[in-house]
Amino acid sequence: METGGNAMDIYRVALVQQRAVAHDMRRNLELADGYVQWAKHHGSAVVVFPEMWSNGYSLPDIEEISPADKPRIVMETKELLLAEARRTESDYAGAFCAMAKENEIAIVATGLSSGFFAARNTAYVIDRAGKLLMEYAKVHTCVFSREAVLERGDLFPVCELDGVKVGVMICFDREFPESARILMLNGAELILIPNACDMNRARLSQLSTRAFENMVGIAMANYPGKGWGRSCAFSPIVFDADGHPVDNTLLLADDDIEGVFLADFDLDAIREYREKEVWGNAYRNVAAYGSLLDSEVRKPFLRG
C-alpha cells in the first residue's frame, strides 16, 4: 500500500520492509543505497530502516545457553560486539551520511554503536545535507533475552528534520507508554520506529494509541516474515472537524511482503489538531503522577 500527495504540507515517510544480511555490513549498505534511491525517486522526505540493519539484527540466542556457561558467554559476546561496533560505526554512519547527501533525503539508519561497557542498539538520524543530527540508543533493551549483551540508552532526544520535530523509539520501546510520552513532552511531532519482532493486533493497537494519546504521528519499519512485517503509520487525528471518529491508519503493510512503503503525514492538519484538542500535554495532572518515578519493582512484576 502506498499513499500519495505532493502538497507542501505533506511529509512523506518511506518505511523499508526488507531483509538484511546477517553480519554483512557492507552488503547491507549496498542494499540500503538502492532503497534510499527508490525512496528519493518516490518523493520521500525521510527513509526509515528496521532495527539493527548493520547486522540484520543477528545476536546470539543466549536463552539456549546453559546457566553455568551463560555469564562467561555473555561477557565474551559483549566484548566481541563492542569491538565490532568500535571498529565499524564511523564508517557505517559515514556511509549513510554520504547516501543522504547524495540523494538529498533524510535517513534513519540503524546498527550497533559503541557504549561505555557494551555495544548499543542505535538509530542515527541524518538530514538531507548528510549531517548526523542525533544518535538514539535503545532505552528499553530486551534484557530478558538476546539483548542482555547490549548496553541500554537513558535519554529520548528530539531533533528537527525539514522543520519537523522528530523522535525515535526502537522496537520494545514502543511497549512502554512513557517512551512516546517523554518524546511528546520533548517536542516531537513525529515518532519514527525501527523494529525487529512479530507484530500482532495488540502491538499495532499500541502504536495507534501512542499516536492518539500524544497527538503525534507514528511510523514503524519492520523486517518481513510470517507474523512480522506490517510496517505501518498512524495519524494522531482520530476525530474529524465535526467530531466524528475517523480511522487514523495511514499505512498497514502485509507481514511477509518485501518492499519500501510510503506514508504521508498532513502536517498542517496535524498541527492544527494539536493546537485545539485535549490530549498530549493539554490537561495532564502531573501532581498525581509521583509513582511513575518510583524505581522499586514489586510483585507480581519481579523477575529473576
C-alpha atoms as a PDB file:
ATOM      1  CA  MET A   1       0.000   0.000   0.000  1.00  0.00           C
ATOM      2  CA  GLU A   2       1.283   3.427  -0.898  1.00  0.00           C
ATOM      3  CA  THR A   3      -0.143   6.842  -0.181  1.00  0.00           C
ATOM      4  CA  GLY A   4       0.345   9.787  -2.445  1.00  0.00           C
ATOM      5  CA  GLY A   5       0.402  13.544  -2.167  1.00  0.00           C
ATOM      6  CA  ASN A   6       2.639  16.367  -3.347  1.00  0.00           C
ATOM      7  CA  ALA A   7       1.374  19.374  -1.376  1.00  0.00           C
ATOM      8  CA  MET A   8       3.909  21.300   0.640  1.00  0.00           C
ATOM      9  CA  ASP A   9       2.264  20.314   3.920  1.00  0.00           C
ATOM     10  CA  ILE A  10       2.614  16.584   3.194  1.00  0.00           C
ATOM     11  CA  TYR A  11       5.603  14.908   4.853  1.00  0.00           C
ATOM     12  CA  ARG A  12       6.291  11.585   3.144  1.00  0.00           C
ATOM     13  CA  VAL A  13       7.978   8.807   5.141  1.00  0.00           C
ATOM     14  CA  ALA A  14       9.451   5.741   3.413  1.00  0.00           C
ATOM     15  CA  LEU A  15       9.498   2.569   5.533  1.00  0.00           C
ATOM     16  CA  VAL A  16      11.919  -0.178   4.499  1.00  0.00           C
ATOM     17  CA  GLN A  17      10.394  -3.630   4.977  1.00  0.00           C
ATOM     18  CA  GLN A  18      13.243  -5.712   3.559  1.00  0.00           C
ATOM     19  CA  ARG A  19      15.565  -8.450   4.772  1.00  0.00           C
ATOM     20  CA  ALA A  20      19.135  -7.573   5.738  1.00  0.00           C
ATOM     21  CA  VAL A  21      22.112  -9.955   5.578  1.00  0.00           C
ATOM     22  CA  ALA A  22      23.366 -11.344   8.896  1.00  0.00           C
ATOM     23  CA  HIS A  23      26.781  -9.986   9.859  1.00  0.00           C
ATOM     24  CA  ASP A  24      27.452  -8.387   6.469  1.00  0.00           C
ATOM     25  CA  MET A  25      27.597  -4.633   6.987  1.00  0.00           C
ATOM     26  CA  ARG A  26      28.974  -3.919   3.504  1.00  0.00           C
ATOM     27  CA  ARG A  27      26.210  -5.839   1.740  1.00  0.00           C
ATOM     28  CA  ASN A  28      23.571  -4.173   3.907  1.00  0.00           C
ATOM     29  CA  LEU A  29      24.965  -0.750   2.956  1.00  0.00           C
ATOM     30  CA  GLU A  30      24.709  -1.713  -0.708  1.00  0.00           C
ATOM     31  CA  LEU A  31      21.109  -2.800  -0.242  1.00  0.00           C
ATOM     32  CA  ALA A  32      20.332   0.369   1.703  1.00  0.00           C
ATOM     33  CA  ASP A  33      21.672   2.569  -1.086  1.00  0.00           C
ATOM     34  CA  GLY A  34      19.144   1.095  -3.507  1.00  0.00           C
ATOM     35  CA  TYR A  35      16.250   1.589  -1.108  1.00  0.00           C
ATOM     36  CA  VAL A  36      17.290   5.182  -0.396  1.00  0.00           C
ATOM     37  CA  GLN A  37      17.391   5.958  -4.126  1.00  0.00           C
ATOM     38  CA  TRP A  38      13.936   4.402  -4.579  1.00  0.00           C
ATOM     39  CA  ALA A  39      12.533   6.456  -1.688  1.00  0.00           C
ATOM     40  CA  LYS A  40      14.010   9.646  -3.104  1.00  0.00           C
ATOM     41  CA  HIS A  41      12.585   8.891  -6.552  1.00  0.00           C
ATOM     42  CA  HIS A  42       9.143   8.500  -4.980  1.00  0.00           C
ATOM     43  CA  GLY A  43       9.202  11.861  -3.246  1.00  0.00           C
ATOM     44  CA  SER A  44      10.029  10.818   0.313  1.00  0.00           C
ATOM     45  CA  ALA A  45      11.394  13.260   2.865  1.00  0.00           C
ATOM     46  CA  VAL A  46      12.887  10.565   5.107  1.00  0.00           C
ATOM     47  CA  VAL A  47      13.558   6.827   4.866  1.00  0.00           C
ATOM     48  CA  VAL A  48      13.467   4.569   7.951  1.00  0.00           C
ATOM     49  CA  PHE A  49      15.238   1.200   8.255  1.00  0.00           C
ATOM     50  CA  PRO A  50      14.322  -1.716  10.539  1.00  0.00           C
ATOM     51  CA  GLU A  51      16.178  -2.284  13.788  1.00  0.00           C
ATOM     52  CA  MET A  52      19.930  -3.017  13.748  1.00  0.00           C
ATOM     53  CA  TRP A  53      20.215  -3.031   9.952  1.00  0.00           C
ATOM     54  CA  SER A  54      24.032  -3.212  10.105  1.00  0.00           C
ATOM     55  CA  ASN A  55      23.995  -6.914  11.017  1.00  0.00           C
ATOM     56  CA  GLY A  56      20.401  -7.909  10.283  1.00  0.00           C
ATOM     57  CA  TYR A  57      19.551  -7.959  13.984  1.00  0.00           C
ATOM     58  CA  SER A  58      21.758 -11.020  14.410  1.00  0.00           C
ATOM     59  CA  LEU A  59      22.505 -11.624  18.089  1.00  0.00           C
ATOM     60  CA  PRO A  60      23.247 -14.888  19.919  1.00  0.00           C
ATOM     61  CA  ASP A  61      20.388 -16.897  21.385  1.00  0.00           C
ATOM     62  CA  ILE A  62      21.538 -16.692  24.996  1.00  0.00           C
ATOM     63  CA  GLU A  63      18.282 -18.300  26.148  1.00  0.00           C
ATOM     64  CA  GLU A  64      19.636 -21.582  24.799  1.00  0.00           C
ATOM     65  CA  ILE A  65      22.877 -21.394  26.818  1.00  0.00           C
ATOM     66  CA  SER A  66      23.189 -23.426  29.995  1.00  0.00           C
ATOM     67  CA  PRO A  67      23.061 -21.380  33.239  1.00  0.00           C
ATOM     68  CA  ALA A  68      26.604 -22.466  34.108  1.00  0.00           C
ATOM     69  CA  ASP A  69      28.041 -21.161  30.824  1.00  0.00           C
ATOM     70  CA  LYS A  70      25.846 -18.072  30.429  1.00  0.00           C
ATOM     71  CA  PRO A  71      27.909 -15.491  32.421  1.00  0.00           C
ATOM     72  CA  ARG A  72      31.100 -16.327  30.512  1.00  0.00           C
ATOM     73  CA  ILE A  73      29.463 -16.403  27.083  1.00  0.00           C
ATOM     74  CA  VAL A  74      27.520 -13.197  27.709  1.00  0.00           C
ATOM     75  CA  MET A  75      30.724 -11.405  28.704  1.00  0.00           C
ATOM     76  CA  GLU A  76      32.634 -12.746  25.702  1.00  0.00           C
ATOM     77  CA  THR A  77      29.809 -11.740  23.371  1.00  0.00           C
ATOM     78  CA  LYS A  78      29.671  -8.249  24.868  1.00  0.00           C
ATOM     79  CA  GLU A  79      33.376  -7.808  24.212  1.00  0.00           C
ATOM     80  CA  LEU A  80      33.100  -9.057  20.629  1.00  0.00           C
ATOM     81  CA  LEU A  81      30.123  -6.844  19.783  1.00  0.00           C
ATOM     82  CA  LEU A  82      31.716  -3.784  21.386  1.00  0.00           C
ATOM     83  CA  ALA A  83      34.907  -4.360  19.389  1.00  0.00           C
ATOM     84  CA  GLU A  84      32.831  -4.735  16.209  1.00  0.00           C
ATOM     85  CA  ALA A  85      30.940  -1.515  16.925  1.00  0.00           C
ATOM     86  CA  ARG A  86      34.094   0.486  17.648  1.00  0.00           C
ATOM     87  CA  ARG A  87      35.714  -0.841  14.504  1.00  0.00           C
ATOM     88  CA  THR A  88      32.865  -0.059  12.107  1.00  0.00           C
ATOM     89  CA  GLU A  89      30.464   2.577  13.464  1.00  0.00           C
ATOM     90  CA  SER A  90      32.187   5.666  11.980  1.00  0.00           C
ATOM     91  CA  ASP A  91      32.447   4.042   8.531  1.00  0.00           C
ATOM     92  CA  TYR A  92      28.860   2.796   8.745  1.00  0.00           C
ATOM     93  CA  ALA A  93      27.316   6.096   9.867  1.00  0.00           C
ATOM     94  CA  GLY A  94      29.532   7.950   7.408  1.00  0.00           C
ATOM     95  CA  ALA A  95      28.280   5.815   4.525  1.00  0.00           C
ATOM     96  CA  PHE A  96      24.679   6.695   5.384  1.00  0.00           C
ATOM     97  CA  CYS A  97      25.605  10.383   5.703  1.00  0.00           C
ATOM     98  CA  ALA A  98      27.064  10.241   2.187  1.00  0.00           C
ATOM     99  CA  MET A  99      23.909   8.483   0.932  1.00  0.00           C
ATOM    100  CA  ALA A 100      21.696  11.162   2.458  1.00  0.00           C
ATOM    101  CA  LYS A 101      23.733  13.993   0.961  1.00  0.00           C
ATOM    102  CA  GLU A 102      23.946  12.426  -2.488  1.00  0.00           C
ATOM    103  CA  ASN A 103      20.196  11.753  -2.639  1.00  0.00           C
ATOM    104  CA  GLU A 104      19.127  14.834  -0.670  1.00  0.00           C
ATOM    105  CA  ILE A 105      16.931  12.774   1.627  1.00  0.00           C
ATOM    106  CA  ALA A 106      16.891  12.300   5.395  1.00  0.00           C
ATOM    107  CA  ILE A 107      17.638   8.825   6.749  1.00  0.00           C
ATOM    108  CA  VAL A 108      17.022   6.968   9.999  1.00  0.00           C
ATOM    109  CA  ALA A 109      19.744   4.318   9.845  1.00  0.00           C
ATOM    110  CA  THR A 110      20.206   1.611  12.468  1.00  0.00           C
ATOM    111  CA  GLY A 111      23.053  -0.522  13.761  1.00  0.00           C
ATOM    112  CA  LEU A 112      25.469  -1.230  16.576  1.00  0.00           C
ATOM    113  CA  SER A 113      27.320   1.648  18.202  1.00  0.00           C
ATOM    114  CA  SER A 114      29.862   1.631  20.998  1.00  0.00           C
ATOM    115  CA  GLY A 115      28.690   2.364  24.529  1.00  0.00           C
ATOM    116  CA  PHE A 116      30.795   2.593  27.671  1.00  0.00           C
ATOM    117  CA  PHE A 117      30.787  -1.113  28.546  1.00  0.00           C
ATOM    118  CA  ALA A 118      28.975  -2.833  25.665  1.00  0.00           C
ATOM    119  CA  ALA A 119      27.590  -2.191  22.207  1.00  0.00           C
ATOM    120  CA  ARG A 120      24.366  -0.235  21.869  1.00  0.00           C
ATOM    121  CA  ASN A 121      21.344  -0.737  19.635  1.00  0.00           C
ATOM    122  CA  THR A 122      21.335   2.632  17.894  1.00  0.00           C
ATOM    123  CA  ALA A 123      19.428   4.765  15.421  1.00  0.00           C
ATOM    124  CA  TYR A 124      21.227   7.509  13.503  1.00  0.00           C
ATOM    125  CA  VAL A 125      19.098  10.449  12.357  1.00  0.00           C
ATOM    126  CA  ILE A 126      20.726  12.125   9.345  1.00  0.00           C
ATOM    127  CA  ASP A 127      19.411  15.167   7.479  1.00  0.00           C
ATOM    128  CA  ARG A 128      19.227  15.635   3.701  1.00  0.00           C
ATOM    129  CA  ALA A 129      22.562  17.518   3.754  1.00  0.00           C
ATOM    130  CA  GLY A 130      24.253  14.428   5.190  1.00  0.00           C
ATOM    131  CA  LYS A 131      24.652  15.836   8.698  1.00  0.00           C
ATOM    132  CA  LEU A 132      24.297  13.426  11.618  1.00  0.00           C
ATOM    133  CA  LEU A 133      21.773  15.225  13.811  1.00  0.00           C
ATOM    134  CA  MET A 134      21.163  12.662  16.533  1.00  0.00           C
ATOM    135  CA  GLU A 135      22.145   9.238  17.816  1.00  0.00           C
ATOM    136  CA  TYR A 136      19.480   7.442  19.818  1.00  0.00           C
ATOM    137  CA  ALA A 137      20.421   4.346  21.838  1.00  0.00           C
ATOM    138  CA  LYS A 138      17.528   1.989  22.612  1.00  0.00           C
ATOM    139  CA  VAL A 139      16.378   2.603  26.191  1.00  0.00           C
ATOM    140  CA  HIS A 140      14.203  -0.477  26.717  1.00  0.00           C
ATOM    141  CA  THR A 141      16.565  -3.229  25.630  1.00  0.00           C
ATOM    142  CA  CYS A 142      15.152  -6.753  25.897  1.00  0.00           C
ATOM    143  CA  VAL A 143      17.350  -7.720  28.848  1.00  0.00           C
ATOM    144  CA  PHE A 144      15.345 -10.937  29.324  1.00  0.00           C
ATOM    145  CA  SER A 145      16.614 -12.305  26.003  1.00  0.00           C
ATOM    146  CA  ARG A 146      19.419 -11.841  23.471  1.00  0.00           C
ATOM    147  CA  GLU A 147      19.678  -8.086  24.071  1.00  0.00           C
ATOM    148  CA  ALA A 148      21.141  -8.807  27.508  1.00  0.00           C
ATOM    149  CA  VAL A 149      24.517  -8.460  25.747  1.00  0.00           C
ATOM    150  CA  LEU A 150      23.801  -4.810  24.892  1.00  0.00           C
ATOM    151  CA  GLU A 151      24.042  -1.569  26.850  1.00  0.00           C
ATOM    152  CA  ARG A 152      20.869   0.466  27.053  1.00  0.00           C
ATOM    153  CA  GLY A 153      20.492   4.186  26.485  1.00  0.00           C
ATOM    154  CA  ASP A 154      18.947   6.570  29.002  1.00  0.00           C
ATOM    155  CA  LEU A 155      17.577   9.519  27.025  1.00  0.00           C
ATOM    156  CA  PHE A 156      14.809  10.230  24.492  1.00  0.00           C
ATOM    157  CA  PRO A 157      16.188  13.126  22.428  1.00  0.00           C
ATOM    158  CA  VAL A 158      14.364  15.011  19.686  1.00  0.00           C
ATOM    159  CA  CYS A 159      15.809  16.727  16.621  1.00  0.00           C
ATOM    160  CA  GLU A 160      14.444  18.742  13.711  1.00  0.00           C
ATOM    161  CA  LEU A 161      14.223  17.399  10.150  1.00  0.00           C
ATOM    162  CA  ASP A 162      12.990  19.832   7.482  1.00  0.00           C
ATOM    163  CA  GLY A 163      11.186  21.820  10.152  1.00  0.00           C
ATOM    164  CA  VAL A 164       9.565  18.687  11.645  1.00  0.00           C
ATOM    165  CA  LYS A 165      10.433  17.741  15.228  1.00  0.00           C
ATOM    166  CA  VAL A 166      11.293  14.051  15.174  1.00  0.00           C
ATOM    167  CA  GLY A 167      11.914  11.475  17.901  1.00  0.00           C
ATOM    168  CA  VAL A 168      12.826   7.787  17.731  1.00  0.00           C
ATOM    169  CA  MET A 169      11.730   4.661  19.584  1.00  0.00           C
ATOM    170  CA  ILE A 170      13.276   1.264  18.815  1.00  0.00           C
ATOM    171  CA  CYS A 171      11.094  -1.875  18.942  1.00  0.00           C
ATOM    172  CA  PHE A 172      10.489  -2.762  22.635  1.00  0.00           C
ATOM    173  CA  ASP A 173      10.464   0.980  23.497  1.00  0.00           C
ATOM    174  CA  ARG A 174       7.003   1.231  21.920  1.00  0.00           C
ATOM    175  CA  GLU A 175       5.555  -1.144  24.542  1.00  0.00           C
ATOM    176  CA  PHE A 176       6.074   1.474  27.259  1.00  0.00           C
ATOM    177  CA  PRO A 177       3.718   4.472  27.145  1.00  0.00           C
ATOM    178  CA  GLU A 178       6.420   6.547  28.844  1.00  0.00           C
ATOM    179  CA  SER A 179       8.641   6.360  25.740  1.00  0.00           C
ATOM    180  CA  ALA A 180       6.223   8.157  23.436  1.00  0.00           C
ATOM    181  CA  ARG A 181       5.077  10.458  26.219  1.00  0.00           C
ATOM    182  CA  ILE A 182       8.538  11.794  27.002  1.00  0.00           C
ATOM    183  CA  LEU A 183       9.211  12.274  23.294  1.00  0.00           C
ATOM    184  CA  MET A 184       5.988  14.273  23.017  1.00  0.00           C
ATOM    185  CA  LEU A 185       6.980  16.325  26.065  1.00  0.00           C
ATOM    186  CA  ASN A 186      10.393  16.889  24.480  1.00  0.00           C
ATOM    187  CA  GLY A 187       8.642  18.394  21.474  1.00  0.00           C
ATOM    188  CA  ALA A 188       8.247  15.521  18.993  1.00  0.00           C
ATOM    189  CA  GLU A 189       5.571  15.873  16.300  1.00  0.00           C
ATOM    190  CA  LEU A 190       6.544  12.630  14.581  1.00  0.00           C
ATOM    191  CA  ILE A 191       7.968   9.421  16.098  1.00  0.00           C
ATOM    192  CA  LEU A 192       9.863   7.026  13.828  1.00  0.00           C
ATOM    193  CA  ILE A 193      10.266   3.407  14.941  1.00  0.00           C
ATOM    194  CA  PRO A 194      12.815   0.890  13.653  1.00  0.00           C
ATOM    195  CA  ASN A 195      11.527  -2.573  14.629  1.00  0.00           C
ATOM    196  CA  ALA A 196      12.520  -6.258  14.625  1.00  0.00           C
ATOM    197  CA  CYS A 197       9.831  -8.559  16.005  1.00  0.00           C
ATOM    198  CA  ASP A 198       6.458 -10.118  15.294  1.00  0.00           C
ATOM    199  CA  MET A 199       3.615  -7.639  15.018  1.00  0.00           C
ATOM    200  CA  ASN A 200       0.153  -8.694  16.120  1.00  0.00           C
ATOM    201  CA  ARG A 201      -3.068  -6.747  16.525  1.00  0.00           C
ATOM    202  CA  ALA A 202      -2.238  -5.764  20.110  1.00  0.00           C
ATOM    203  CA  ARG A 203       1.090  -4.219  19.122  1.00  0.00           C
ATOM    204  CA  LEU A 204      -0.451  -2.403  16.176  1.00  0.00           C
ATOM    205  CA  SER A 205      -3.116  -1.065  18.531  1.00  0.00           C
ATOM    206  CA  GLN A 206      -0.348   0.161  20.848  1.00  0.00           C
ATOM    207  CA  LEU A 207       1.105   2.259  18.050  1.00  0.00           C
ATOM    208  CA  SER A 208      -2.266   3.694  17.087  1.00  0.00           C
ATOM    209  CA  THR A 209      -2.871   4.571  20.723  1.00  0.00           C
ATOM    210  CA  ARG A 210       0.578   6.171  21.126  1.00  0.00           C
ATOM    211  CA  ALA A 211      -0.285   8.441  18.201  1.00  0.00           C
ATOM    212  CA  PHE A 212      -3.761   9.263  19.535  1.00  0.00           C
ATOM    213  CA  GLU A 213      -2.903   9.910  23.184  1.00  0.00           C
ATOM    214  CA  ASN A 214       0.186  12.046  22.443  1.00  0.00           C
ATOM    215  CA  MET A 215      -1.104  13.793  19.307  1.00  0.00           C
ATOM    216  CA  VAL A 216       1.983  12.725  17.331  1.00  0.00           C
ATOM    217  CA  GLY A 217       2.451  10.935  14.041  1.00  0.00           C
ATOM    218  CA  ILE A 218       3.812   7.383  14.324  1.00  0.00           C
ATOM    219  CA  ALA A 219       5.640   5.382  11.609  1.00  0.00           C
ATOM    220  CA  MET A 220       7.224   1.923  12.092  1.00  0.00           C
ATOM    221  CA  ALA A 221       9.546  -0.083   9.791  1.00  0.00           C
ATOM    222  CA  ASN A 222       9.892  -3.827  10.437  1.00  0.00           C
ATOM    223  CA  TYR A 223      11.592  -6.841   8.872  1.00  0.00           C
ATOM    224  CA  PRO A 224       9.280  -9.005   6.737  1.00  0.00           C
ATOM    225  CA  GLY A 225       8.352 -12.527   7.796  1.00  0.00           C
ATOM    226  CA  LYS A 226       5.392 -14.685   8.737  1.00  0.00           C
ATOM    227  CA  GLY A 227       3.683 -12.744  11.530  1.00  0.00           C
ATOM    228  CA  TRP A 228       6.314  -9.983  11.332  1.00  0.00           C
ATOM    229  CA  GLY A 229       6.299  -7.110   8.844  1.00  0.00           C
ATOM    230  CA  ARG A 230       3.168  -4.952   8.985  1.00  0.00           C
ATOM    231  CA  SER A 231       5.181  -1.754   8.678  1.00  0.00           C
ATOM    232  CA  CYS A 232       2.672   0.939   9.470  1.00  0.00           C
ATOM    233  CA  ALA A 233       1.879   4.572  10.093  1.00  0.00           C
ATOM    234  CA  PHE A 234      -0.774   6.284  12.198  1.00  0.00           C
ATOM    235  CA  SER A 235      -2.013   9.856  12.349  1.00  0.00           C
ATOM    236  CA  PRO A 236      -2.937  11.391  15.688  1.00  0.00           C
ATOM    237  CA  ILE A 237      -6.199  12.629  14.173  1.00  0.00           C
ATOM    238  CA  VAL A 238      -9.000  10.347  15.351  1.00  0.00           C
ATOM    239  CA  PHE A 239     -11.932  12.799  15.008  1.00  0.00           C
ATOM    240  CA  ASP A 240     -12.861  14.963  12.040  1.00  0.00           C
ATOM    241  CA  ALA A 241     -13.826  18.632  12.224  1.00  0.00           C
ATOM    242  CA  ASP A 242     -17.420  17.668  13.091  1.00  0.00           C
ATOM    243  CA  GLY A 243     -16.363  15.393  15.934  1.00  0.00           C
ATOM    244  CA  HIS A 244     -16.988  12.135  14.099  1.00  0.00           C
ATOM    245  CA  PRO A 245     -14.451   9.317  14.656  1.00  0.00           C
ATOM    246  CA  VAL A 246     -12.115   8.549  11.759  1.00  0.00           C
ATOM    247  CA  ASP A 247      -9.646   5.734  11.131  1.00  0.00           C
ATOM    248  CA  ASN A 248      -6.163   7.075  11.886  1.00  0.00           C
ATOM    249  CA  THR A 249      -4.367   4.317   9.931  1.00  0.00           C
ATOM    250  CA  LEU A 250      -2.255   5.844   7.153  1.00  0.00           C
ATOM    251  CA  LEU A 251      -0.425   2.668   6.173  1.00  0.00           C
ATOM    252  CA  LEU A 252      -0.506  -1.022   7.065  1.00  0.00           C
ATOM    253  CA  ALA A 253       1.661  -3.386   5.023  1.00  0.00           C
ATOM    254  CA  ASP A 254       1.269  -7.170   4.898  1.00  0.00           C
ATOM    255  CA  ASP A 255       3.566  -9.289   7.021  1.00  0.00           C
ATOM    256  CA  ASP A 256       5.719 -11.289   4.588  1.00  0.00           C
ATOM    257  CA  ILE A 257       5.898  -8.895   1.638  1.00  0.00           C
ATOM    258  CA  GLU A 258       9.172  -7.113   0.955  1.00  0.00           C
ATOM    259  CA  GLY A 259       9.018  -3.515  -0.183  1.00  0.00           C
ATOM    260  CA  VAL A 260       9.526   0.130   0.653  1.00  0.00           C
ATOM    261  CA  PHE A 261       6.182   1.515   1.790  1.00  0.00           C
ATOM    262  CA  LEU A 262       5.140   5.160   1.819  1.00  0.00           C
ATOM    263  CA  ALA A 263       3.110   7.069   4.375  1.00  0.00           C
ATOM    264  CA  ASP A 264       2.021  10.706   4.015  1.00  0.00           C
ATOM    265  CA  PHE A 265       1.542  12.900   7.065  1.00  0.00           C
ATOM    266  CA  ASP A 266      -0.557  16.055   6.591  1.00  0.00           C
ATOM    267  CA  LEU A 267       1.463  18.334   8.853  1.00  0.00           C
ATOM    268  CA  ASP A 268      -0.858  21.330   8.576  1.00  0.00           C
ATOM    269  CA  ALA A 269      -3.821  19.241   9.678  1.00  0.00           C
ATOM    270  CA  ILE A 270      -1.835  17.571  12.466  1.00  0.00           C
ATOM    271  CA  ARG A 271      -0.512  20.889  13.789  1.00  0.00           C
ATOM    272  CA  GLU A 272      -3.976  22.438  13.728  1.00  0.00           C
ATOM    273  CA  TYR A 273      -5.331  19.405  15.592  1.00  0.00           C
ATOM    274  CA  ARG A 274      -2.555  19.661  18.202  1.00  0.00           C
ATOM    275  CA  GLU A 275      -3.436  23.324  18.787  1.00  0.00           C
ATOM    276  CA  LYS A 276      -7.036  22.626  19.821  1.00  0.00           C
ATOM    277  CA  GLU A 277      -7.584  19.052  21.051  1.00  0.00           C
ATOM    278  CA  VAL A 278      -7.485  17.768  24.618  1.00  0.00           C
ATOM    279  CA  TRP A 279      -4.751  15.089  24.548  1.00  0.00           C
ATOM    280  CA  GLY A 280      -0.959  15.351  24.598  1.00  0.00           C
ATOM    281  CA  ASN A 281       0.110  17.809  27.301  1.00  0.00           C
ATOM    282  CA  ALA A 282      -3.025  19.932  27.313  1.00  0.00           C
ATOM    283  CA  TYR A 283      -4.664  18.734  30.547  1.00  0.00           C
ATOM    284  CA  ARG A 284      -2.197  16.406  32.290  1.00  0.00           C
ATOM    285  CA  ASN A 285      -2.388  16.412  36.108  1.00  0.00           C
ATOM    286  CA  VAL A 286       1.319  15.979  36.833  1.00  0.00           C
ATOM    287  CA  ALA A 287       0.908  16.252  40.617  1.00  0.00           C
ATOM    288  CA  ALA A 288      -0.876  12.880  40.620  1.00  0.00           C
ATOM    289  CA  TYR A 289       1.920  11.006  38.806  1.00  0.00           C
ATOM    290  CA  GLY A 290       4.524  10.611  41.547  1.00  0.00           C
ATOM    291  CA  SER A 291       4.512   6.802  41.401  1.00  0.00           C
ATOM    292  CA  LEU A 292       5.756   6.921  37.812  1.00  0.00           C
ATOM    293  CA  LEU A 293       9.206   7.841  39.129  1.00  0.00           C
ATOM    294  CA  ASP A 294       9.297   5.092  41.760  1.00  0.00           C
ATOM    295  CA  SER A 295      12.014   2.685  40.592  1.00  0.00           C
ATOM    296  CA  GLU A 296      11.171  -0.148  43.011  1.00  0.00           C
ATOM    297  CA  VAL A 297       9.723  -3.239  41.315  1.00  0.00           C
ATOM    298  CA  ARG A 298       7.209  -5.223  43.368  1.00  0.00           C
ATOM    299  CA  LYS A 299       5.205  -8.398  42.888  1.00  0.00           C
ATOM    300  CA  PRO A 300       3.780  -9.550  40.531  1.00  0.00           C
ATOM    301  CA  PHE A 301       6.403  -7.841  38.333  1.00  0.00           C
ATOM    302  CA  LEU A 302       9.556  -9.191  39.975  1.00  0.00           C
ATOM    303  CA  ARG A 303      11.675 -11.169  37.512  1.00  0.00           C
ATOM    304  CA  GLY A 304      14.795 -13.282  38.013  1.00  0.00           C
END
